[in-house]
N, C-alpha and C. Protein backbone atom coordinates (compact mmCIF):
# COMPACT_ATOMS: atom_id res chain seq x y z
N MET A 1 12.54 -25.52 -15.36
CA MET A 1 12.85 -24.30 -14.59
C MET A 1 11.61 -23.01 -15.23
N PRO A 2 11.42 -22.42 -14.08
CA PRO A 2 10.37 -21.36 -14.23
C PRO A 2 11.20 -20.29 -15.14
N SER A 3 10.51 -19.49 -15.76
CA SER A 3 11.03 -18.32 -16.15
C SER A 3 11.22 -17.10 -15.40
N ALA A 4 12.28 -16.16 -15.46
CA ALA A 4 12.20 -14.46 -14.89
C ALA A 4 10.74 -14.35 -14.29
N TRP A 5 10.01 -14.47 -15.36
CA TRP A 5 8.49 -13.57 -15.31
C TRP A 5 7.98 -14.52 -14.28
N ASP A 6 7.78 -15.55 -14.08
CA ASP A 6 7.27 -16.44 -13.37
C ASP A 6 7.86 -16.32 -12.01
N GLN A 7 9.02 -16.24 -12.46
CA GLN A 7 9.64 -16.15 -10.61
C GLN A 7 9.35 -14.61 -10.12
N PHE A 8 9.42 -13.90 -11.06
CA PHE A 8 8.96 -12.34 -10.27
C PHE A 8 7.19 -12.52 -10.28
N ILE A 9 6.54 -13.17 -11.18
CA ILE A 9 5.19 -12.54 -11.14
C ILE A 9 4.55 -13.52 -9.69
N TYR A 10 5.05 -14.72 -9.63
CA TYR A 10 4.52 -15.44 -8.22
C TYR A 10 4.91 -15.04 -6.94
N MET A 11 6.16 -13.71 -6.95
CA MET A 11 6.23 -13.52 -5.61
C MET A 11 5.61 -13.33 -5.20
N PRO A 12 5.56 -13.19 -3.55
CA PRO A 12 4.16 -12.31 -2.26
C PRO A 12 3.97 -11.41 -2.53
N TRP A 13 3.38 -10.26 -3.45
CA TRP A 13 3.78 -8.77 -3.69
C TRP A 13 2.44 -8.72 -2.50
N ASP A 14 1.46 -9.48 -2.41
CA ASP A 14 0.64 -8.99 -1.39
C ASP A 14 1.29 -8.70 -0.05
N LYS A 15 2.34 -9.39 0.65
CA LYS A 15 2.69 -9.48 1.48
C LYS A 15 3.98 -8.32 1.82
N TYR A 16 4.69 -8.05 0.40
CA TYR A 16 5.32 -7.22 0.07
C TYR A 16 4.62 -5.68 0.16
N ALA A 17 3.53 -6.04 -0.45
CA ALA A 17 2.92 -4.67 0.12
C ALA A 17 2.13 -3.94 1.28
N GLY A 18 1.68 -5.36 2.04
CA GLY A 18 1.50 -4.76 3.41
C GLY A 18 2.55 -4.27 4.31
N VAL A 19 3.69 -5.00 4.14
CA VAL A 19 4.77 -4.58 4.79
C VAL A 19 5.11 -3.41 4.57
N ALA A 20 5.37 -2.75 3.51
CA ALA A 20 5.52 -1.41 2.65
C ALA A 20 4.26 -0.51 2.98
N GLY A 21 3.37 -0.84 2.96
CA GLY A 21 2.01 -0.53 3.43
C GLY A 21 2.10 0.15 5.16
N LYS A 22 2.60 -0.79 6.29
CA LYS A 22 3.01 -0.32 7.51
C LYS A 22 4.48 0.73 7.12
N VAL A 23 5.24 0.15 6.37
CA VAL A 23 6.63 1.00 6.70
C VAL A 23 6.36 2.31 6.40
N ALA A 24 5.31 2.71 5.21
CA ALA A 24 5.27 4.16 5.21
C ALA A 24 4.40 4.69 5.93
N THR A 25 3.41 4.20 6.78
CA THR A 25 2.81 4.44 7.68
C THR A 25 3.39 5.34 8.83
N VAL A 26 4.38 4.70 9.16
CA VAL A 26 5.42 4.83 10.70
C VAL A 26 6.45 5.79 9.74
N THR A 27 6.60 6.09 8.85
CA THR A 27 7.45 6.61 8.01
C THR A 27 6.93 8.37 8.02
N CYS A 28 5.84 8.04 7.11
CA CYS A 28 5.10 9.47 7.33
C CYS A 28 4.72 9.91 8.73
N VAL A 29 3.99 9.41 9.29
CA VAL A 29 3.90 10.16 10.83
C VAL A 29 5.12 10.16 11.61
N GLY A 30 6.45 9.78 11.51
CA GLY A 30 7.10 10.01 12.11
C GLY A 30 8.06 11.07 11.50
N MET A 31 8.09 11.31 10.36
CA MET A 31 8.74 12.71 9.79
C MET A 31 8.24 13.52 9.36
N GLY A 32 6.23 13.18 9.67
CA GLY A 32 5.87 14.58 9.78
C GLY A 32 5.99 14.77 11.35
N ILE A 33 6.12 14.34 11.87
CA ILE A 33 6.42 15.37 13.49
C ILE A 33 7.81 15.93 13.86
N LEU A 34 8.60 14.60 13.38
CA LEU A 34 9.63 15.19 13.27
C LEU A 34 10.34 16.68 12.17
N GLY A 35 9.32 16.82 10.96
CA GLY A 35 9.39 17.74 10.02
C GLY A 35 8.89 18.58 10.66
N CYS A 36 7.88 18.93 11.43
CA CYS A 36 7.24 20.13 12.13
C CYS A 36 8.07 20.89 13.01
N PHE A 37 9.30 19.97 13.87
CA PHE A 37 10.26 20.55 14.40
C PHE A 37 11.32 21.17 13.77
N VAL A 38 11.61 20.61 12.89
CA VAL A 38 13.11 21.11 12.07
C VAL A 38 12.72 21.99 11.09
N ALA A 39 11.68 21.70 9.94
CA ALA A 39 11.81 22.41 8.82
C ALA A 39 10.91 23.55 9.13
N ASN A 40 10.71 24.30 8.19
CA ASN A 40 9.91 25.78 8.34
C ASN A 40 8.23 25.48 7.39
N PHE A 41 8.48 24.60 7.10
CA PHE A 41 7.17 24.09 5.91
C PHE A 41 6.12 23.40 6.96
N VAL A 42 5.58 23.84 7.76
CA VAL A 42 4.61 23.47 8.38
C VAL A 42 3.67 22.69 7.99
N LEU A 43 2.78 22.97 7.43
CA LEU A 43 1.68 23.06 6.28
C LEU A 43 1.40 21.71 5.43
N ILE A 44 3.01 21.36 4.60
CA ILE A 44 3.30 19.66 4.26
C ILE A 44 3.57 19.24 5.32
N GLN A 45 4.02 19.27 6.39
CA GLN A 45 4.38 18.19 7.33
C GLN A 45 3.06 17.86 8.47
N VAL A 46 1.97 18.32 8.19
CA VAL A 46 0.93 18.49 9.00
C VAL A 46 0.06 17.42 7.83
N TYR A 47 0.01 17.64 6.46
CA TYR A 47 -0.26 16.79 5.22
C TYR A 47 0.29 15.54 5.70
N VAL A 48 1.67 15.70 5.70
CA VAL A 48 2.34 14.15 6.07
C VAL A 48 1.52 13.31 7.07
N ILE A 49 1.73 13.66 8.46
CA ILE A 49 0.90 13.39 9.51
C ILE A 49 -0.05 12.91 8.95
N PHE A 50 -1.04 13.49 8.48
CA PHE A 50 -2.69 13.08 7.75
C PHE A 50 -2.56 11.85 6.90
N VAL A 51 -1.83 12.00 6.03
CA VAL A 51 -1.65 10.81 5.09
C VAL A 51 -1.03 9.52 6.28
N GLY A 52 -0.06 9.82 6.74
CA GLY A 52 0.28 8.90 7.40
C GLY A 52 -1.16 8.11 8.47
N LEU A 53 -1.66 9.04 8.82
CA LEU A 53 -2.98 8.62 9.68
C LEU A 53 -4.07 7.62 8.86
N LEU A 54 -4.23 8.45 7.72
CA LEU A 54 -5.11 7.91 6.67
C LEU A 54 -4.31 6.44 6.56
N LEU A 55 -3.15 6.32 6.06
CA LEU A 55 -2.71 4.83 5.29
C LEU A 55 -2.73 4.28 6.70
N ALA A 56 -2.71 4.79 8.25
CA ALA A 56 -2.73 3.56 9.20
C ALA A 56 -4.46 3.21 9.08
N VAL A 57 -5.18 3.72 9.03
CA VAL A 57 -6.44 3.31 8.89
C VAL A 57 -6.56 2.04 7.93
N LEU A 58 -5.80 1.73 7.10
CA LEU A 58 -6.15 0.81 5.48
C LEU A 58 -4.87 -0.23 6.14
N GLU A 59 -3.68 0.35 6.73
CA GLU A 59 -2.69 -0.55 6.37
C GLU A 59 -1.99 -1.22 7.65
N LEU A 60 -2.54 -0.63 9.14
CA LEU A 60 -2.35 -1.40 10.12
C LEU A 60 -3.49 -1.84 11.07
N PRO A 61 -3.59 -3.26 10.89
CA PRO A 61 -4.64 -4.10 11.88
C PRO A 61 -5.30 -3.67 12.96
N ILE A 62 -3.80 -3.12 14.13
CA ILE A 62 -4.64 -2.56 15.42
C ILE A 62 -5.81 -1.48 15.43
N VAL A 63 -5.25 -0.62 14.42
CA VAL A 63 -6.29 0.46 14.34
C VAL A 63 -7.57 -0.18 14.33
N TYR A 64 -7.86 -0.87 13.21
CA TYR A 64 -9.13 -1.12 12.71
C TYR A 64 -9.67 -1.85 13.43
N ALA A 65 -8.73 -2.55 14.23
CA ALA A 65 -9.06 -3.61 15.78
C ALA A 65 -9.56 -3.30 16.75
N CYS A 66 -8.62 -2.09 17.26
CA CYS A 66 -9.21 -1.25 18.82
C CYS A 66 -9.72 -0.25 18.26
N ILE A 67 -10.03 0.80 17.30
CA ILE A 67 -11.14 1.99 17.11
C ILE A 67 -12.18 1.34 16.05
N PRO A 68 -13.17 0.90 16.53
CA PRO A 68 -14.10 0.48 15.64
C PRO A 68 -14.83 1.38 14.12
N PRO A 69 -14.79 3.05 14.18
CA PRO A 69 -15.13 3.36 13.39
C PRO A 69 -13.86 3.28 12.30
N CYS A 70 -13.19 3.36 12.93
CA CYS A 70 -11.87 3.30 11.74
C CYS A 70 -11.63 1.86 11.11
N GLY A 71 -12.29 0.63 11.75
CA GLY A 71 -12.93 -0.50 11.16
C GLY A 71 -13.90 -0.50 10.00
N LYS A 72 -14.90 0.37 10.41
CA LYS A 72 -15.77 0.99 9.38
C LYS A 72 -15.61 1.36 7.97
N LEU A 73 -14.49 2.14 8.56
CA LEU A 73 -14.09 3.19 7.24
C LEU A 73 -12.97 2.49 6.41
N LYS A 74 -12.32 1.36 6.93
CA LYS A 74 -11.79 0.67 6.05
C LYS A 74 -12.31 -0.48 4.84
N ASP A 75 -13.45 -0.78 5.74
CA ASP A 75 -14.86 -1.53 4.99
C ASP A 75 -15.31 -0.80 3.90
N LYS A 76 -15.31 0.38 4.00
CA LYS A 76 -15.86 1.53 2.90
C LYS A 76 -15.22 1.19 2.22
N LEU A 77 -13.66 2.11 2.52
CA LEU A 77 -12.64 1.92 1.56
C LEU A 77 -12.29 1.14 0.50
N LEU A 78 -12.94 -0.29 1.58
CA LEU A 78 -12.26 -1.56 1.00
C LEU A 78 -13.23 -2.30 -0.06
N ASP A 79 -14.25 -2.32 0.10
CA ASP A 79 -15.64 -2.89 -0.41
C ASP A 79 -16.42 -1.67 -1.80
N ASP A 80 -16.49 -0.36 -0.95
CA ASP A 80 -17.07 0.48 -2.02
C ASP A 80 -16.55 1.62 -2.88
N LEU A 81 -15.13 1.17 -2.47
CA LEU A 81 -14.17 2.37 -2.88
C LEU A 81 -13.31 1.76 -3.83
N TYR A 82 -13.21 -0.07 -3.58
CA TYR A 82 -12.72 -0.73 -4.87
C TYR A 82 -11.12 -0.32 -4.46
N PHE A 83 -10.56 -0.45 -2.90
CA PHE A 83 -9.19 -0.39 -2.58
C PHE A 83 -8.88 -1.79 -2.29
N LYS A 84 -9.20 -2.77 -2.78
CA LYS A 84 -8.87 -3.52 -2.98
C LYS A 84 -8.08 -4.23 -4.48
N ASN A 85 -8.01 -3.44 -5.09
CA ASN A 85 -7.49 -3.01 -6.37
C ASN A 85 -6.28 -2.56 -6.32
N GLY A 86 -5.27 -3.24 -6.55
CA GLY A 86 -3.84 -3.18 -6.36
C GLY A 86 -3.70 -1.45 -7.75
N PHE A 87 -4.18 -1.74 -8.86
CA PHE A 87 -3.80 -0.82 -9.39
C PHE A 87 -4.57 0.84 -8.65
N LEU A 88 -5.82 0.60 -8.38
CA LEU A 88 -6.57 1.52 -7.88
C LEU A 88 -5.62 2.19 -6.68
N ARG A 89 -5.54 1.50 -5.68
CA ARG A 89 -4.47 1.81 -4.79
C ARG A 89 -3.51 2.40 -4.92
N GLY A 90 -2.63 1.80 -5.80
CA GLY A 90 -1.15 2.54 -6.40
C GLY A 90 -1.34 3.75 -6.60
N VAL A 91 -2.28 4.01 -7.40
CA VAL A 91 -2.66 5.85 -8.26
C VAL A 91 -3.17 5.99 -7.02
N VAL A 92 -3.74 6.11 -5.75
CA VAL A 92 -3.73 6.79 -5.00
C VAL A 92 -3.00 7.43 -4.17
N TYR A 93 -2.19 5.80 -3.92
CA TYR A 93 -0.97 6.50 -3.16
C TYR A 93 -0.09 7.32 -3.86
N VAL A 94 0.06 6.96 -5.19
CA VAL A 94 0.92 7.86 -5.79
C VAL A 94 0.73 9.66 -5.48
N GLY A 95 -0.87 9.51 -6.02
CA GLY A 95 -1.47 10.98 -5.80
C GLY A 95 -1.17 11.37 -4.36
N LEU A 96 -1.41 10.72 -3.22
CA LEU A 96 -0.80 11.43 -2.32
C LEU A 96 0.36 11.97 -2.00
N SER A 97 1.69 11.31 -2.68
CA SER A 97 2.52 11.21 -2.49
C SER A 97 3.20 12.63 -2.70
N ILE A 98 2.25 13.29 -4.26
CA ILE A 98 3.38 14.18 -5.23
C ILE A 98 3.23 15.72 -4.31
N ILE A 99 2.20 15.89 -3.44
CA ILE A 99 2.13 17.04 -2.47
C ILE A 99 3.67 16.98 -1.61
N MET A 100 4.49 15.67 -1.23
CA MET A 100 5.29 15.95 -0.87
C MET A 100 6.33 16.16 -1.28
N PHE A 101 6.61 15.75 -2.29
CA PHE A 101 7.64 16.39 -3.09
C PHE A 101 7.96 18.33 -3.68
N LEU A 102 6.53 18.93 -3.12
CA LEU A 102 6.56 20.61 -3.51
C LEU A 102 8.20 21.00 -2.61
N GLU A 103 8.59 20.75 -1.70
CA GLU A 103 9.58 21.56 -0.86
C GLU A 103 10.49 20.48 -0.49
N THR A 104 11.95 21.18 -0.03
CA THR A 104 12.94 20.18 0.44
C THR A 104 13.02 20.32 1.77
N THR A 105 11.66 19.17 2.51
CA THR A 105 11.98 18.98 3.47
C THR A 105 11.85 17.06 3.99
N LEU A 106 11.74 17.05 5.04
CA LEU A 106 11.73 15.46 5.40
C LEU A 106 10.82 14.97 4.65
N ALA A 107 9.39 15.86 4.37
CA ALA A 107 8.57 14.99 3.72
C ALA A 107 8.61 14.56 2.17
N ILE A 108 10.09 14.42 1.52
CA ILE A 108 10.39 14.27 0.54
C ILE A 108 10.54 12.34 0.84
N LEU A 109 11.24 12.27 1.92
CA LEU A 109 11.21 10.64 2.63
C LEU A 109 10.34 10.20 2.75
N SER A 110 8.94 10.76 3.11
CA SER A 110 7.73 9.81 3.24
C SER A 110 7.33 9.64 1.85
N GLY A 111 7.59 10.77 1.00
CA GLY A 111 6.70 10.65 -0.91
C GLY A 111 7.39 9.94 -1.61
N ILE A 112 9.03 9.05 -1.28
CA ILE A 112 9.77 8.34 -1.65
C ILE A 112 9.29 6.87 -1.20
N VAL A 113 8.63 6.78 0.25
CA VAL A 113 8.50 5.20 0.92
C VAL A 113 7.58 5.24 0.44
N ILE A 114 6.11 6.29 -0.06
CA ILE A 114 5.05 6.39 -0.27
C ILE A 114 4.88 5.46 -2.22
N LEU A 115 5.70 6.09 -2.49
CA LEU A 115 5.97 5.80 -3.97
C LEU A 115 6.49 4.32 -4.23
N LEU A 116 7.07 3.75 -3.50
CA LEU A 116 8.03 2.84 -2.97
C LEU A 116 6.54 1.54 -3.05
N THR A 117 5.59 2.08 -2.40
CA THR A 117 4.58 1.07 -1.51
C THR A 117 3.70 1.13 -2.89
N SER A 118 3.53 2.05 -3.69
CA SER A 118 3.13 2.19 -4.62
C SER A 118 2.94 0.82 -5.54
N ILE A 119 4.56 0.83 -5.94
CA ILE A 119 5.01 0.10 -6.77
C ILE A 119 4.47 -1.35 -6.62
N THR A 120 4.90 -1.50 -5.00
CA THR A 120 4.69 -3.29 -4.56
C THR A 120 3.28 -2.80 -4.64
N TYR A 121 2.05 -2.54 -4.76
CA TYR A 121 1.02 -2.73 -5.24
C TYR A 121 0.39 -2.74 -6.57
N PHE A 122 0.95 -2.08 -7.53
CA PHE A 122 1.16 -2.59 -8.94
C PHE A 122 1.81 -3.78 -9.06
N PHE A 123 2.68 -3.91 -8.37
CA PHE A 123 3.37 -5.67 -8.76
C PHE A 123 2.18 -6.53 -8.07
N LYS A 124 1.65 -6.29 -7.24
CA LYS A 124 0.31 -7.25 -6.58
C LYS A 124 -0.42 -7.45 -7.39
N ALA A 125 -0.96 -6.14 -8.02
CA ALA A 125 -2.30 -6.04 -9.04
C ALA A 125 -1.89 -7.17 -10.51
N CYS A 126 -0.59 -6.77 -10.71
CA CYS A 126 -0.13 -7.40 -11.89
C CYS A 126 -0.26 -8.99 -11.60
N ALA A 127 0.21 -9.64 -10.04
CA ALA A 127 0.11 -10.57 -9.79
C ALA A 127 -1.55 -11.46 -9.52
N ASP A 128 -2.20 -10.74 -9.33
CA ASP A 128 -3.37 -10.79 -9.45
C ASP A 128 -3.76 -11.15 -10.69
N ARG A 129 -3.72 -10.23 -11.75
CA ARG A 129 -4.12 -10.80 -13.00
C ARG A 129 -3.65 -12.02 -13.68
N GLN A 130 -2.20 -12.05 -13.20
CA GLN A 130 -1.78 -13.27 -13.80
C GLN A 130 -2.29 -14.50 -13.23
N ASP A 131 -2.73 -14.24 -11.76
CA ASP A 131 -2.92 -15.69 -11.07
C ASP A 131 -4.87 -15.96 -11.83
N ALA A 132 -5.34 -14.88 -12.12
CA ALA A 132 -6.81 -15.00 -12.67
C ALA A 132 -6.86 -15.69 -14.13
N ALA A 133 -5.52 -15.14 -15.00
CA ALA A 133 -5.39 -15.75 -15.93
C ALA A 133 -4.92 -17.30 -16.23
N ASP A 134 -4.29 -17.40 -14.99
CA ASP A 134 -3.71 -18.92 -14.98
C ASP A 134 -5.07 -19.64 -14.57
N ASN A 135 -6.04 -19.57 -13.85
CA ASN A 135 -6.89 -19.87 -13.45
C ASN A 135 -8.10 -20.15 -15.04
N ARG A 136 -8.14 -19.04 -15.51
CA ARG A 136 -8.70 -19.30 -16.92
C ARG A 136 -8.23 -20.24 -17.54
N THR A 137 -6.68 -20.41 -17.87
CA THR A 137 -6.08 -21.18 -18.80
C THR A 137 -6.32 -22.37 -18.14
N LEU A 138 -6.05 -22.89 -16.80
CA LEU A 138 -6.27 -24.21 -16.73
C LEU A 138 -7.22 -24.66 -16.09
N GLY A 139 -8.69 -24.00 -16.51
CA GLY A 139 -10.02 -24.43 -16.24
C GLY A 139 -10.17 -24.30 -14.52
N GLY A 140 -9.73 -23.48 -13.97
CA GLY A 140 -9.77 -23.14 -12.58
C GLY A 140 -9.10 -23.75 -11.47
N GLY A 141 -8.08 -24.79 -11.95
CA GLY A 141 -7.18 -25.62 -11.43
C GLY A 141 -5.69 -25.05 -11.29
N GLY A 142 -5.62 -23.61 -11.57
CA GLY A 142 -4.08 -23.04 -11.59
C GLY A 142 -3.95 -22.34 -10.36
N GLY A 143 -4.50 -22.64 -9.40
CA GLY A 143 -3.78 -22.28 -7.75
C GLY A 143 -2.61 -23.18 -7.23
N GLU A 144 -2.54 -24.18 -7.73
CA GLU A 144 -1.44 -24.86 -6.85
C GLU A 144 0.21 -24.25 -7.70
N ASN A 145 0.39 -23.30 -8.53
CA ASN A 145 1.58 -22.48 -8.95
C ASN A 145 1.49 -21.45 -7.89
N VAL A 146 0.87 -21.17 -7.00
CA VAL A 146 0.77 -19.84 -6.44
C VAL A 146 1.64 -20.30 -4.84
N PRO A 147 2.94 -19.98 -4.64
CA PRO A 147 3.26 -20.45 -3.35
C PRO A 147 3.48 -20.11 -2.28
N TYR A 148 2.33 -18.81 -2.03
CA TYR A 148 1.87 -18.06 -0.99
C TYR A 148 0.77 -18.01 -0.69
N ASP A 149 0.26 -17.67 0.75
CA ASP A 149 -0.67 -17.43 1.34
C ASP A 149 -1.65 -16.40 1.26
N LYS A 150 -2.68 -15.41 0.90
CA LYS A 150 -2.76 -14.09 0.81
C LYS A 150 -2.83 -13.76 2.37
N PHE A 151 -2.83 -12.69 2.84
CA PHE A 151 -3.32 -12.22 3.98
C PHE A 151 -3.44 -10.61 4.05
N GLY A 152 -3.68 -10.37 5.59
CA GLY A 152 -3.49 -9.12 5.63
C GLY A 152 -5.12 -8.53 5.18
N THR A 153 -5.13 -7.22 4.41
CA THR A 153 -6.77 -6.55 3.80
C THR A 153 -7.25 -7.23 2.58
N PHE A 154 -6.33 -8.16 1.88
CA PHE A 154 -6.37 -8.87 0.82
C PHE A 154 -7.09 -10.57 0.66
N ASN A 155 -8.00 -10.94 1.73
CA ASN A 155 -8.29 -12.21 2.04
C ASN A 155 -9.69 -12.00 1.17
């Protein structure tokens, strides 16, 4: 029977991170638009909308499939700026969420969702490191223990 750590590390964190990113995108854009009408801190709400649109380029496949410049931006972010690395992506998401906690507005909800998304990317990075360690110790044949397929931006 696998240990609790093995069960945790072999969960499909890449899928969870993708879903969390999509939820964060929709939450940021929705809370930003709603906050512009409800709250009086419009500058923070505009920032939340901007972050939501930036996340949409990375997280929503329909955006970069329909708008070719967004596809080029996604490729540049993933390849040139190493956004495939879950640790780096998680740190950037934490950095983007800090401003959302400055005032008590609806932006706090978006900040919490982005922080949860960054946690899933940290877990994904840990799982990727464990997969690499398994491949090293088993002579390259460690992939049979992984019960999930990669998808999304982590192909």
